[in-house]
PDB file of N, CA and C in Angstrom:
ATOM      1  N   ARG A   1      10.401  -7.881 -27.898  1.00  0.00           N
ATOM      2  CA  ARG A   1      10.497  -7.949 -26.491  1.00  0.00           C
ATOM      3  C   ARG A   1       8.806  -7.787 -25.683  1.00  0.00           C
ATOM      4  N   ILE A   2       8.885  -8.367 -24.691  1.00  0.00           N
ATOM      5  CA  ILE A   2       7.328  -8.003 -24.247  1.00  0.00           C
ATOM      6  C   ILE A   2       7.680  -6.990 -22.928  1.00  0.00           C
ATOM      7  N   THR A   3       6.776  -6.127 -22.676  1.00  0.00           N
ATOM      8  CA  THR A   3       6.888  -5.293 -21.703  1.00  0.00           C
ATOM      9  C   THR A   3       6.385  -5.591 -20.454  1.00  0.00           C
ATOM     10  N   ILE A   4       6.461  -5.061 -19.315  1.00  0.00           N
ATOM     11  CA  ILE A   4       6.015  -5.230 -18.067  1.00  0.00           C
ATOM     12  C   ILE A   4       4.470  -5.374 -18.064  1.00  0.00           C
ATOM     13  N   PRO A   5       3.842  -4.224 -18.692  1.00  0.00           N
ATOM     14  CA  PRO A   5       2.361  -4.209 -18.639  1.00  0.00           C
ATOM     15  C   PRO A   5       1.824  -5.467 -19.529  1.00  0.00           C
ATOM     16  N   GLU A   6       2.502  -5.910 -20.564  1.00  0.00           N
ATOM     17  CA  GLU A   6       2.059  -7.037 -21.445  1.00  0.00           C
ATOM     18  C   GLU A   6       2.286  -8.210 -20.487  1.00  0.00           C
ATOM     19  N   ILE A   7       3.352  -8.356 -19.690  1.00  0.00           N
ATOM     20  CA  ILE A   7       3.302  -9.636 -18.808  1.00  0.00           C
ATOM     21  C   ILE A   7       2.185  -9.667 -17.731  1.00  0.00           C
ATOM     22  N   LEU A   8       2.072  -8.543 -17.332  1.00  0.00           N
ATOM     23  CA  LEU A   8       0.990  -8.569 -16.132  1.00  0.00           C
ATOM     24  C   LEU A   8      -0.487  -8.777 -16.835  1.00  0.00           C
ATOM     25  N   GLN A   9      -0.959  -8.509 -18.015  1.00  0.00           N
ATOM     26  CA  GLN A   9      -2.060  -8.892 -18.766  1.00  0.00           C
ATOM     27  C   GLN A   9      -2.009 -10.348 -19.232  1.00  0.00           C
ATOM     28  N   ASN A  10      -0.928 -10.967 -19.032  1.00  0.00           N
ATOM     29  CA  ASN A  10      -1.225 -12.271 -19.308  1.00  0.00           C
ATOM     30  C   ASN A  10      -1.957 -13.192 -18.477  1.00  0.00           C
ATOM     31  N   LYS A  11      -2.617 -14.085 -18.759  1.00  0.00           N
ATOM     32  CA  LYS A  11      -3.450 -14.905 -18.120  1.00  0.00           C
ATOM     33  C   LYS A  11      -2.686 -15.980 -17.052  1.00  0.00           C
ATOM     34  N   TRP A  12      -1.496 -16.423 -17.490  1.00  0.00           N
ATOM     35  CA  TRP A  12      -0.432 -17.084 -17.026  1.00  0.00           C
ATOM     36  C   TRP A  12      -0.287 -16.573 -15.615  1.00  0.00           C
ATOM     37  N   PHE A  13       0.044 -15.288 -15.462  1.00  0.00           N
ATOM     38  CA  PHE A  13       0.695 -14.425 -14.386  1.00  0.00           C
ATOM     39  C   PHE A  13      -0.513 -14.007 -13.388  1.00  0.00           C
ATOM     40  N   LYS A  14      -1.685 -14.143 -13.965  1.00  0.00           N
ATOM     41  CA  LYS A  14      -2.789 -13.945 -13.370  1.00  0.00           C
ATOM     42  C   LYS A  14      -3.423 -14.764 -12.415  1.00  0.00           C
ATOM     43  N   GLU A  15      -2.967 -16.179 -12.769  1.00  0.00           N
ATOM     44  CA  GLU A  15      -3.416 -17.237 -12.071  1.00  0.00           C
ATOM     45  C   GLU A  15      -3.092 -17.514 -10.703  1.00  0.00           C
ATOM     46  N   GLY A  16      -4.088 -17.465  -9.735  1.00  0.00           N
ATOM     47  CA  GLY A  16      -3.999 -17.436  -8.222  1.00  0.00           C
ATOM     48  C   GLY A  16      -3.772 -15.816  -7.713  1.00  0.00           C
ATOM     49  N   TYR A  17      -3.658 -14.910  -8.494  1.00  0.00           N
ATOM     50  CA  TYR A  17      -3.295 -13.617  -8.104  1.00  0.00           C
ATOM     51  C   TYR A  17      -4.294 -13.049  -7.304  1.00  0.00           C
ATOM     52  N   LYS A  18      -4.273 -12.459  -6.111  1.00  0.00           N
ATOM     53  CA  LYS A  18      -5.091 -11.740  -5.292  1.00  0.00           C
ATOM     54  C   LYS A  18      -4.501 -10.274  -5.085  1.00  0.00           C
ATOM     55  N   PRO A  19      -5.109  -9.247  -5.771  1.00  0.00           N
ATOM     56  CA  PRO A  19      -4.729  -7.904  -5.434  1.00  0.00           C
ATOM     57  C   PRO A  19      -4.798  -7.535  -4.099  1.00  0.00           C
ATOM     58  N   PRO A  20      -3.575  -6.713  -3.366  1.00  0.00           N
ATOM     59  CA  PRO A  20      -3.546  -6.514  -2.006  1.00  0.00           C
ATOM     60  C   PRO A  20      -4.798  -5.416  -1.654  1.00  0.00           C
ATOM     61  N   VAL A  21      -5.125  -5.674  -0.577  1.00  0.00           N
ATOM     62  CA  VAL A  21      -6.194  -4.933   0.093  1.00  0.00           C
ATOM     63  C   VAL A  21      -5.593  -3.965   1.196  1.00  0.00           C
ATOM     64  N   PHE A  22      -5.889  -2.678   0.884  1.00  0.00           N
ATOM     65  CA  PHE A  22      -5.436  -1.735   1.834  1.00  0.00           C
ATOM     66  C   PHE A  22      -6.494  -1.130   2.670  1.00  0.00           C
ATOM     67  N   GLN A  23      -6.286  -1.038   4.113  1.00  0.00           N
ATOM     68  CA  GLN A  23      -7.171  -0.377   4.786  1.00  0.00           C
ATOM     69  C   GLN A  23      -6.860   0.769   5.254  1.00  0.00           C
ATOM     70  N   GLU A  24      -7.683   1.798   4.847  1.00  0.00           N
ATOM     71  CA  GLU A  24      -7.326   3.235   5.391  1.00  0.00           C
ATOM     72  C   GLU A  24      -8.073   3.569   6.565  1.00  0.00           C
ATOM     73  N   GLU A  25      -7.260   3.860   7.625  1.00  0.00           N
ATOM     74  CA  GLU A  25      -7.796   4.446   8.859  1.00  0.00           C
ATOM     75  C   GLU A  25      -8.266   5.824   8.803  1.00  0.00           C
ATOM     76  N   GLU A  26      -9.501   6.110   8.911  1.00  0.00           N
ATOM     77  CA  GLU A  26      -9.891   7.615   8.819  1.00  0.00           C
ATOM     78  C   GLU A  26      -9.922   8.455   9.916  1.00  0.00           C
ATOM     79  N   ASN A  27      -9.860   7.765  11.131  1.00  0.00           N
ATOM     80  CA  ASN A  27      -9.744   8.394  12.374  1.00  0.00           C
ATOM     81  C   ASN A  27      -8.069   8.478  13.063  1.00  0.00           C
ATOM     82  N   ILE A  28      -7.345   9.565  12.421  1.00  0.00           N
ATOM     83  CA  ILE A  28      -6.054   9.726  12.879  1.00  0.00           C
ATOM     84  C   ILE A  28      -5.965  10.803  14.020  1.00  0.00           C
ATOM     85  N   ASN A  29      -5.373  10.224  15.051  1.00  0.00           N
ATOM     86  CA  ASN A  29      -5.531  11.360  16.068  1.00  0.00           C
ATOM     87  C   ASN A  29      -3.810  11.952  16.243  1.00  0.00           C
ATOM     88  N   LEU A  30      -3.780  13.104  15.702  1.00  0.00           N
ATOM     89  CA  LEU A  30      -2.417  13.779  15.695  1.00  0.00           C
ATOM     90  C   LEU A  30      -1.967  14.054  16.951  1.00  0.00           C
ATOM     91  N   ASP A  31      -2.614  14.144  18.096  1.00  0.00           N
ATOM     92  CA  ASP A  31      -2.352  13.974  19.389  1.00  0.00           C
ATOM     93  C   ASP A  31      -1.111  13.150  19.757  1.00  0.00           C
ATOM     94  N   ASP A  32      -1.275  11.924  19.428  1.00  0.00           N
ATOM     95  CA  ASP A  32      -0.452  10.904  19.611  1.00  0.00           C
ATOM     96  C   ASP A  32       1.256  11.205  18.768  1.00  0.00           C
ATOM     97  N   ILE A  33       0.961  11.613  17.584  1.00  0.00           N
ATOM     98  CA  ILE A  33       2.017  12.083  16.844  1.00  0.00           C
ATOM     99  C   ILE A  33       2.710  13.181  17.579  1.00  0.00           C
ATOM    100  N   HIS A  34       2.123  14.273  17.880  1.00  0.00           N
ATOM    101  CA  HIS A  34       2.640  15.373  18.575  1.00  0.00           C
ATOM    102  C   HIS A  34       3.252  14.942  19.924  1.00  0.00           C
ATOM    103  N   ALA A  35       2.771  14.142  20.746  1.00  0.00           N
ATOM    104  CA  ALA A  35       3.211  13.696  21.922  1.00  0.00           C
ATOM    105  C   ALA A  35       4.454  12.788  21.758  1.00  0.00           C
ATOM    106  N   ALA A  36       4.625  12.167  20.638  1.00  0.00           N
ATOM    107  CA  ALA A  36       5.846  11.289  20.313  1.00  0.00           C
ATOM    108  C   ALA A  36       7.122  12.090  19.960  1.00  0.00           C
ATOM    109  N   PHE A  37       6.658  13.301  19.349  1.00  0.00           N
ATOM    110  CA  PHE A  37       7.844  14.309  18.871  1.00  0.00           C
ATOM    111  C   PHE A  37       7.943  15.336  19.808  1.00  0.00           C
ATOM    112  N   LYS A  38       7.369  15.550  20.859  1.00  0.00           N
ATOM    113  CA  LYS A  38       7.281  16.806  21.810  1.00  0.00           C
ATOM    114  C   LYS A  38       8.660  17.074  22.348  1.00  0.00           C
ATOM    115  N   ASP A  39       9.436  15.849  22.645  1.00  0.00           N
ATOM    116  CA  ASP A  39      10.822  15.876  23.525  1.00  0.00           C
ATOM    117  C   ASP A  39      11.881  16.236  22.334  1.00  0.00           C
ATOM    118  N   SER A  40      11.472  16.064  21.139  1.00  0.00           N
ATOM    119  CA  SER A  40      12.508  16.069  20.377  1.00  0.00           C
ATOM    120  C   SER A  40      13.004  17.532  19.683  1.00  0.00           C
ATOM    121  N   GLU A  41      12.083  18.359  20.368  1.00  0.00           N
ATOM    122  CA  GLU A  41      12.092  20.007  19.601  1.00  0.00           C
ATOM    123  C   GLU A  41      13.393  20.614  20.450  1.00  0.00           C
TER     124      GLU A  41
END
């Protein structure tokens, strides 16, 4: 049997594949989060 990692290494499965691009937001303002949950306490 072929394993998932072996399938992913096969060039046929890589044809046209573009890996996802994740954007990391470094400026996270916790005030917005605290304000959203303030009334739930």
